[in-house]
Protein backbone atom coordinates (compact mmCIF):
# COMPACT_ATOMS: atom_id res chain seq x y z
CA MET A 1 0.00 0.00 0.00
CA ASN A 2 1.28 3.44 -0.92
CA LEU A 3 1.49 6.26 1.57
CA SER A 4 0.78 9.89 0.94
CA SER A 5 4.11 11.71 0.69
CA LEU A 6 5.31 15.26 1.24
CA SER A 7 8.15 16.89 -0.65
CA VAL A 8 10.01 18.70 2.12
CA LEU A 9 11.82 21.92 1.32
CA PRO A 10 15.60 21.30 1.53
CA MET A 11 17.42 23.25 4.18
CA ALA A 12 19.87 24.63 1.62
CA LEU A 13 17.06 26.29 -0.28
CA LEU A 14 16.08 28.24 2.81
CA LEU A 15 19.56 29.00 4.10
CA VAL A 16 20.49 30.63 0.80
CA HIS A 17 18.25 33.51 1.89
CA ALA A 18 19.89 33.91 5.29
CA CYS A 19 22.05 36.86 4.19
CA HIS A 20 19.19 38.76 2.56
CA CYS A 21 18.15 41.93 4.30
CA ARG A 22 14.81 42.53 2.50
CA GLY A 23 11.82 42.37 4.81
CA SER A 24 14.12 42.35 7.83
CA ASP A 25 11.56 44.35 9.81
CA VAL A 26 8.97 41.58 9.69
CA HIS A 27 8.85 38.18 11.26
CA PRO A 28 8.81 35.19 8.92
CA LEU A 29 5.34 33.89 8.23
CA VAL A 30 4.22 30.32 7.53
CA ILE A 31 0.78 29.73 6.00
CA ILE A 32 -1.17 26.55 6.76
CA PRO A 33 -4.14 26.14 4.38
CA GLY A 34 -7.54 24.62 5.06
CA SER A 35 -9.08 21.41 3.77
CA GLY A 36 -8.93 21.36 -0.02
CA GLY A 37 -6.78 24.49 0.04
CA ASN A 38 -3.78 23.16 -1.85
CA GLN A 39 -2.97 21.02 -4.84
CA LEU A 40 -2.68 17.25 -4.52
CA GLU A 41 -1.04 14.97 -7.09
CA ALA A 42 -1.38 11.24 -7.69
CA ARG A 43 -0.04 8.41 -9.77
CA LEU A 44 -1.39 4.94 -10.33
CA SER A 45 0.43 1.62 -10.09
CA LYS A 46 -0.41 -1.87 -11.31
CA GLU A 47 -2.27 -2.46 -8.04
CA TYR A 48 -4.88 0.11 -9.04
CA LYS A 49 -8.09 -1.63 -10.09
CA PRO A 50 -10.48 0.84 -11.76
CA SER A 51 -14.17 0.35 -11.17
CA SER A 52 -14.89 0.81 -14.87
CA LEU A 53 -13.15 1.13 -18.23
CA LEU A 54 -13.75 4.87 -18.05
CA CYS A 55 -11.51 5.04 -14.96
CA SER A 56 -8.64 3.12 -16.58
CA PRO A 57 -5.44 5.20 -16.57
CA VAL A 58 -4.82 6.58 -20.07
CA GLY A 59 -3.13 9.65 -21.50
CA ARG A 60 -1.82 11.99 -18.84
CA LYS A 61 -3.27 9.72 -16.16
CA ARG A 62 -1.43 6.65 -17.37
CA ARG A 63 0.32 4.45 -14.83
CA ASP A 64 3.47 5.80 -13.15
CA TYR A 65 2.69 9.35 -14.30
CA TRP A 66 2.01 12.07 -11.76
CA PHE A 67 -1.16 14.08 -12.42
CA ARG A 68 -3.22 16.64 -10.53
CA LEU A 69 -5.79 14.84 -8.42
CA TRP A 70 -7.05 17.95 -6.64
CA PHE A 71 -8.28 20.21 -8.02
CA ASP A 72 -8.83 18.83 -11.53
CA PRO A 73 -12.02 20.47 -12.88
CA PRO A 74 -12.87 17.88 -15.59
CA SER A 75 -12.61 15.00 -13.12
CA VAL A 76 -14.75 16.80 -10.54
CA LEU A 77 -17.28 18.56 -12.75
CA VAL A 78 -18.00 15.96 -15.44
CA PRO A 79 -20.44 13.44 -13.88
CA PRO A 80 -19.06 10.27 -15.56
CA LEU A 81 -15.55 11.16 -14.34
CA THR A 82 -16.60 12.12 -10.81
CA ARG A 83 -16.78 8.44 -9.90
CA CYS A 84 -13.15 7.95 -10.99
CA PHE A 85 -12.08 11.00 -9.01
CA ALA A 86 -13.89 9.76 -5.90
CA GLU A 87 -12.36 6.29 -5.94
CA ARG A 88 -8.85 7.75 -6.26
CA MET A 89 -9.45 10.16 -3.39
CA THR A 90 -10.92 7.53 -1.07
CA LEU A 91 -9.03 6.55 2.09
CA TYR A 92 -9.35 3.22 3.92
CA TYR A 93 -9.10 2.66 7.64
CA HIS A 94 -7.25 -0.57 8.47
CA ARG A 95 -8.18 -1.95 11.87
CA ASP A 96 -5.09 -4.18 12.00
CA ILE A 97 -2.70 -1.21 11.87
CA ASP A 98 -5.16 1.32 13.36
CA ASP A 99 -4.41 3.84 10.63
CA TYR A 100 -5.53 5.18 7.26
CA ARG A 101 -4.07 4.47 3.82
CA ASN A 102 -4.76 5.37 0.21
CA ALA A 103 -6.71 3.07 -2.06
CA PRO A 104 -4.56 0.20 -3.40
CA GLY A 105 -2.50 1.34 -6.35
CA VAL A 106 -2.95 5.07 -5.63
CA GLU A 107 0.07 7.07 -4.48
CA THR A 108 -0.30 10.73 -3.60
CA ARG A 109 2.05 13.60 -2.99
CA VAL A 110 1.80 17.28 -2.06
CA PRO A 111 3.64 19.62 -4.44
CA HIS A 112 5.32 22.91 -3.49
CA PHE A 113 5.84 22.25 0.23
CA GLY A 114 7.60 25.28 1.70
CA SER A 115 6.26 27.62 -0.99
CA THR A 116 3.03 29.58 -1.39
CA GLU A 117 2.85 28.49 -5.03
CA GLY A 118 0.49 25.59 -4.38
CA LEU A 119 -1.84 27.76 -2.28
CA LEU A 120 -2.53 30.51 -4.81
CA TYR A 121 -4.70 28.54 -7.24
CA LEU A 122 -5.94 24.98 -7.06
CA ASP A 123 -5.49 24.79 -10.84
CA PRO A 124 -3.00 27.36 -12.22
CA ASN A 125 -4.57 26.93 -15.67
CA LEU A 126 -7.96 28.11 -14.39
CA LYS A 127 -7.02 30.91 -12.05
CA HIS A 128 -10.35 32.72 -12.15
CA ILE A 129 -12.41 29.82 -10.81
CA THR A 130 -9.82 28.11 -8.61
CA GLU A 131 -8.25 31.03 -6.75
CA TYR A 132 -7.60 30.27 -3.09
CA MET A 133 -4.95 32.43 -1.39
CA ALA A 134 -3.64 34.50 -4.32
CA LYS A 135 -5.17 37.74 -3.09
CA LEU A 136 -4.09 37.15 0.51
CA VAL A 137 -0.50 36.51 -0.60
CA ASN A 138 -0.61 39.67 -2.72
CA PHE A 139 -1.62 41.70 0.34
CA LEU A 140 1.23 40.15 2.33
CA GLU A 141 3.72 40.99 -0.40
CA GLN A 142 2.67 44.63 -0.17
CA ILE A 143 3.91 44.80 3.45
CA GLY A 144 7.29 43.24 2.83
CA TYR A 145 6.73 39.50 2.56
CA GLU A 146 8.37 37.51 -0.21
CA ASN A 147 7.80 33.86 -1.07
CA GLY A 148 10.81 31.72 -0.15
CA HIS A 149 12.46 34.53 1.82
CA ASN A 150 10.22 35.34 4.77
CA LEU A 151 6.95 33.85 3.51
CA PHE A 152 6.36 30.09 3.30
CA GLY A 153 3.50 27.72 2.60
CA ALA A 154 2.85 24.41 4.36
CA PRO A 155 0.40 22.44 2.18
CA TYR A 156 -0.57 18.90 3.19
CA ASP A 157 -2.71 15.93 2.24
CA PHE A 158 -5.89 17.30 3.76
CA ARG A 159 -7.73 13.96 3.59
CA TYR A 160 -5.64 12.71 6.50
CA GLY A 161 -5.91 13.97 10.06
CA LEU A 162 -4.33 13.24 13.40
CA ALA A 163 -5.16 10.77 16.15
CA ALA A 164 -5.23 10.83 19.91
CA PRO A 165 -2.07 9.80 21.80
CA GLY A 166 -1.49 6.06 21.64
CA HIS A 167 -2.81 5.73 18.10
CA PRO A 168 -0.66 5.84 14.95
CA SER A 169 -1.27 8.55 12.38
CA GLU A 170 1.61 8.13 9.98
CA VAL A 171 0.74 10.72 7.35
CA GLY A 172 -0.56 13.37 9.75
CA SER A 173 2.33 12.92 12.17
CA LYS A 174 4.85 13.20 9.34
CA TYR A 175 3.23 16.45 8.30
CA LEU A 176 3.66 17.87 11.81
CA LYS A 177 7.36 16.94 11.71
CA ASP A 178 7.78 18.56 8.29
CA LEU A 179 5.91 21.66 9.48
CA GLN A 180 8.10 21.90 12.57
CA GLN A 181 11.22 21.65 10.43
CA LEU A 182 9.91 24.31 8.05
CA ILE A 183 9.25 26.67 10.97
CA GLU A 184 12.77 26.09 12.31
CA MET A 185 14.32 26.77 8.91
CA ALA A 186 12.17 29.86 8.34
CA SER A 187 13.35 31.26 11.67
CA LEU A 188 16.99 30.33 11.07
CA SER A 189 17.05 31.91 7.62
CA ASN A 190 15.60 35.14 9.04
CA GLY A 191 18.13 35.84 11.74
CA GLY A 192 16.50 33.64 14.36
CA LYS A 193 13.29 35.68 14.52
CA PRO A 194 10.32 33.62 15.69
CA VAL A 195 7.60 32.78 13.19
CA ILE A 196 4.03 33.98 12.80
CA LEU A 197 1.74 31.08 11.91
CA LEU A 198 -1.24 32.00 9.73
CA SER A 199 -3.82 29.24 9.24
CA HIS A 200 -7.15 28.88 7.52
CA SER A 201 -9.94 26.54 8.62
CA LEU A 202 -8.66 22.96 9.22
CA GLY A 203 -5.12 24.35 9.18
CA GLY A 204 -5.85 25.89 12.58
CA LEU A 205 -6.46 22.45 14.09
CA PHE A 206 -3.11 21.19 12.78
CA ALA A 207 -1.36 24.32 14.07
CA LEU A 208 -2.93 23.86 17.50
CA GLN A 209 -1.84 20.23 17.71
CA LEU A 210 1.69 21.13 16.59
CA LEU A 211 2.01 23.74 19.33
CA ALA A 212 0.42 21.61 22.02
CA ARG A 213 2.78 18.73 21.26
CA ALA A 214 5.92 20.91 21.16
CA THR A 215 8.10 21.67 24.17
CA PRO A 216 7.82 25.04 25.95
CA ALA A 217 11.40 25.83 24.93
CA TRP A 218 10.66 25.17 21.26
CA ARG A 219 7.53 27.35 21.29
CA ALA A 220 9.33 30.19 23.03
CA LYS A 221 12.17 30.13 20.52
CA HIS A 222 10.28 29.62 17.26
CA ILE A 223 6.73 31.00 17.58
CA ALA A 224 5.82 34.68 17.75
CA HIS A 225 2.05 34.33 17.30
CA LEU A 226 -0.69 32.16 15.87
CA ILE A 227 -3.38 33.80 13.71
CA THR A 228 -6.27 31.56 12.75
CA LEU A 229 -8.85 32.36 10.07
CA SER A 230 -12.23 30.61 10.31
CA ALA A 231 -10.90 27.85 12.57
CA PRO A 232 -13.54 25.15 13.29
CA TRP A 233 -12.29 24.42 16.80
CA GLY A 234 -15.29 22.30 17.75
CA GLY A 235 -16.34 21.07 14.31
CA THR A 236 -19.42 22.04 12.33
CA VAL A 237 -23.02 20.90 11.92
CA GLN A 238 -22.47 21.09 8.17
CA GLU A 239 -20.05 18.17 8.49
CA MET A 240 -22.97 16.00 9.53
CA LEU A 241 -24.58 16.90 6.19
CA THR A 242 -21.40 15.75 4.44
CA PHE A 243 -21.57 12.36 6.12
CA ALA A 244 -25.31 11.89 5.83
CA SER A 245 -26.07 13.12 2.33
CA GLY A 246 -22.83 14.30 0.71
CA TYR A 247 -21.75 17.89 0.13
CA THR A 248 -20.60 19.39 -3.18
CA LEU A 249 -19.00 22.57 -1.77
CA GLY A 250 -21.36 24.49 -4.03
CA ILE A 251 -19.85 22.98 -7.18
CA PRO A 252 -22.62 22.77 -9.81
CA LEU A 253 -23.56 19.58 -11.72
CA VAL A 254 -22.05 17.28 -9.08
CA ASP A 255 -24.42 14.79 -7.45
CA PRO A 256 -23.64 14.86 -3.71
CA LEU A 257 -24.31 11.12 -3.45
CA SER A 258 -21.56 10.43 -6.01
CA VAL A 259 -18.91 11.80 -3.64
CA ARG A 260 -20.49 10.84 -0.31
CA ASP A 261 -18.56 7.60 0.22
CA GLU A 262 -15.27 9.32 -0.58
CA GLN A 263 -16.06 12.17 1.81
CA ARG A 264 -16.98 9.71 4.55
CA SER A 265 -13.61 8.00 4.10
CA SER A 266 -11.67 11.18 4.90
CA GLU A 267 -10.00 11.03 8.30
CA SER A 268 -10.01 14.82 8.57
CA ASN A 269 -13.76 14.93 7.95
CA LEU A 270 -14.28 12.75 11.04
CA TRP A 271 -12.17 15.29 12.93
CA LEU A 272 -14.56 18.07 11.85
CA LEU A 273 -17.75 16.48 13.20
CA PRO A 274 -19.34 18.54 16.02
CA SER A 275 -17.60 18.15 19.36
CA PRO A 276 -19.79 16.40 21.96
CA GLU A 277 -18.23 18.62 24.61
CA LEU A 278 -19.09 21.84 22.80
CA PHE A 279 -22.43 21.04 21.13
CA GLY A 280 -23.72 18.82 23.94
CA SER A 281 -27.15 17.20 23.74
CA LYS A 282 -28.75 19.75 21.43
CA PRO A 283 -30.48 17.97 18.48
CA LEU A 284 -28.46 18.65 15.33
CA VAL A 285 -30.03 16.12 12.95
CA VAL A 286 -33.76 15.44 13.10
CA THR A 287 -35.55 12.57 11.35
CA PRO A 288 -39.19 11.41 11.59
CA SER A 289 -38.14 8.66 14.00
CA LYS A 290 -35.11 9.98 15.91
CA SER A 291 -32.95 13.01 16.61
CA TYR A 292 -29.16 13.01 16.93
CA SER A 293 -26.92 15.31 18.95
CA ALA A 294 -23.14 15.52 18.97
CA LYS A 295 -23.22 13.09 21.89
CA ASP A 296 -25.08 10.59 19.70
CA MET A 297 -22.43 10.52 16.98
CA PRO A 298 -21.84 6.73 17.02
CA GLN A 299 -25.59 6.16 16.64
CA PHE A 300 -25.74 8.79 13.89
CA LEU A 301 -22.89 7.18 11.93
CA THR A 302 -24.63 3.83 12.23
CA ALA A 303 -27.99 5.24 11.15
CA ILE A 304 -26.55 6.73 7.94
CA GLY A 305 -24.94 3.40 7.04
CA PHE A 306 -21.38 4.25 8.01
CA GLU A 307 -20.83 1.78 10.83
CA VAL A 308 -17.17 1.34 9.80
CA GLY A 309 -16.53 4.89 10.94
CA VAL A 310 -17.70 4.34 14.51
CA TYR A 311 -14.56 2.63 15.83
CA PRO A 312 -11.97 5.11 14.45
CA TYR A 313 -14.19 8.00 15.49
CA THR A 314 -14.65 6.86 19.09
CA THR A 315 -11.07 5.66 19.65
CA ARG A 316 -8.94 8.05 17.57
CA LEU A 317 -10.93 11.26 17.14
CA VAL A 318 -13.15 11.82 20.18
CA PRO A 319 -10.21 12.60 22.50
CA LEU A 320 -9.08 15.31 20.03
CA VAL A 321 -12.46 17.08 20.01
CA THR A 322 -13.46 16.71 23.66
CA THR A 323 -11.16 19.46 24.92
CA LEU A 324 -8.90 22.03 23.29
CA PRO A 325 -5.21 21.77 24.26
CA ASP A 326 -3.51 24.97 25.34
CA PRO A 327 -1.07 26.14 22.62
CA GLU A 328 0.72 28.32 25.19
CA VAL A 329 1.38 31.05 22.62
CA ASN A 330 -0.49 34.24 21.80
CA VAL A 331 -3.47 33.48 19.55
CA THR A 332 -5.69 35.72 17.45
CA CYS A 333 -8.84 34.15 16.00
CA MET A 334 -10.27 36.06 13.04
CA VAL A 335 -13.81 34.91 12.27
CA GLY A 336 -16.70 35.80 10.02
CA CYS A 337 -20.09 36.30 11.64
CA GLY A 338 -23.63 37.23 10.77
CA VAL A 339 -23.82 34.69 7.93
CA ASP A 340 -26.56 32.04 7.89
CA THR A 341 -24.92 28.79 8.98
CA PRO A 342 -26.50 25.30 9.17
CA GLU A 343 -27.50 24.66 12.78
CA ARG A 344 -29.96 21.81 12.40
CA LEU A 345 -30.67 19.35 9.57
CA VAL A 346 -34.27 18.17 9.25
CA TYR A 347 -34.85 15.05 7.16
CA GLY A 348 -38.14 13.83 5.76
CA ARG A 349 -39.33 10.32 5.02
CA GLY A 350 -36.99 10.10 2.03
CA GLY A 351 -34.10 9.45 4.39
CA PHE A 352 -30.47 10.47 4.18
CA ASP A 353 -30.21 10.06 0.40
CA GLU A 354 -32.17 13.28 0.08
CA GLN A 355 -30.96 16.73 1.05
CA PRO A 356 -32.46 17.99 4.33
CA VAL A 357 -34.27 21.17 5.20
CA MET A 358 -31.77 23.51 6.85
CA GLU A 359 -32.35 25.52 9.98
CA TYR A 360 -29.79 28.29 10.32
CA GLY A 361 -27.98 30.13 13.08
CA ASP A 362 -25.02 32.49 13.36
CA GLY A 363 -21.57 31.69 11.99
CA ASP A 364 -19.51 32.15 8.85
CA GLY A 365 -21.75 30.09 6.58
CA THR A 366 -19.78 26.91 7.28
CA VAL A 367 -18.66 26.96 10.91
CA ASN A 368 -21.10 27.65 13.75
CA MET A 369 -20.33 30.64 15.96
CA VAL A 370 -20.01 28.50 19.09
CA SER A 371 -17.20 26.57 17.37
CA LEU A 372 -15.47 29.68 16.02
CA LEU A 373 -15.42 31.18 19.53
CA TRP A 374 -14.39 28.08 21.50
CA MET A 375 -10.77 29.19 21.78
CA GLU A 376 -11.93 32.51 23.23
CA SER A 377 -14.39 30.99 25.70
CA CYS A 378 -12.01 28.37 27.12
CA MET A 379 -8.64 30.12 26.83
CA GLY A 380 -9.33 33.80 26.42
CA ALA A 381 -7.84 34.06 22.95
CA LYS A 382 -8.21 37.36 21.14
CA VAL A 383 -11.06 37.33 18.63
CA VAL A 384 -11.58 39.70 15.70
CA LYS A 385 -15.12 39.44 14.32
CA LEU A 386 -15.77 40.32 10.69
CA PRO A 387 -19.50 40.88 10.08
CA GLY A 388 -20.86 39.47 6.84
CA ILE A 389 -17.62 37.65 6.00
CA SER A 390 -17.97 33.98 5.11
CA HIS A 391 -15.67 31.02 5.65
CA THR A 392 -13.96 31.50 2.29
CA THR A 393 -14.42 35.20 1.53
CA ILE A 394 -12.19 35.93 4.51
CA LEU A 395 -9.36 35.13 2.07
CA LYS A 396 -10.62 37.47 -0.68
CA ASP A 397 -12.65 40.33 0.76
CA ASP A 398 -10.69 43.60 0.91
CA VAL A 399 -12.05 44.55 4.33
CA ALA A 400 -11.11 41.15 5.79
CA LEU A 401 -7.67 41.16 4.17
CA LYS A 402 -6.91 44.63 5.51
CA GLU A 403 -7.81 43.42 9.02
CA ILE A 404 -5.54 40.39 8.61
CA VAL A 405 -2.65 42.58 7.45
CA LYS A 406 -3.34 45.02 10.28
CA GLU A 407 -3.10 42.20 12.82
CA ILE A 408 0.17 40.93 11.31
CA GLN A 409 1.68 44.42 11.32
CA SER A 410 0.62 44.89 14.94
CA ILE A 411 2.26 41.61 15.93
CA ASN A 412 5.43 42.49 14.07
CA SER A 413 5.62 45.88 15.77
CA ALA A 414 4.93 44.50 19.24
CA VAL A 415 7.30 41.56 19.05
CA LEU A 416 10.12 43.50 17.44
CA SER A 417 9.76 46.40 19.88
CA ALA A 418 9.98 43.99 22.81
CA ALA A 419 13.16 42.52 21.36
CA VAL A 420 14.90 45.89 21.15
């Protein structure tokens, strides 16, 4: 079985910038994207068994040839090809090793680790419809940041997550090690200045786990501040929609049921289910016969026909979402608010194969406000609320971007003044 792999930025590539003086008045910045926020490549081996002739590797997707798996618009948007895309993206939990792996014959890798290149557009050939962080990076460049000098990207295989202590998580744990090394090299190549971490969505959960698992000495030496954008600290109700009925992320023409099994297989999606500690016993999914709260998640997973997810959820993921670990660094949470966000899913007699009626509450359109504010309520983290800003427009809206830049400039001024 092939493992997802990361191409780690060589130390020499970073150290070559050590003598540069440009941007010397800012702290190096490492960006951690959200789920689906970077490119993902794959290649197929002889072990790959396509479900149909249409999915057989030909042309640029022939065996032993790396191709873009995410985001590849034809594979995602053309219904006959969506099935091929889904089976190549699917992960499998193996009880014998207590860990996740790719589908047999599918090897994946993350391009451009250490650079922001893979975060700008999910498909560089279709910039207009696949822009992710291009505008944010442009704003950062205007205040003295330069890719590869004092600005770095930390993309990852976002299908994988992390597990509670005592459980293996080979791909996720390797990413944390690579991220730690990148932070160390970014600091070293910028005169030893500590790093500002800037994360979006799921990236905030990885950043939090990295900091919580590091030593106090390492954090004090290498981290200046953590800024999170739209972090789903306690998961989202919308994730229950993903598991129950599939979710197309607003992409037209795609049948949500055609990608539901693949989405259920994602380890990180299990991580994003609503925290039983935070959401409690409040009914989140309502059917004619039964209601399910965050505390009923095993019963919910069974009811939707995903019994295989119960064991990894209860053993590997629940400890991660029961309480938030203390990162022991200064944290600023920047969140959208005032946007209708799914708060309860009401299903009719058609069952989970049909889309539910949504009941909405406050949040950023994706993450519920109670989840966005969990870091503030339990640890007193600074929160900057951005009215009318959604989960994704926080990366593109001029008002939001100016607030992000303002926060970074404030951190730079405060940290550098204290060092003088």
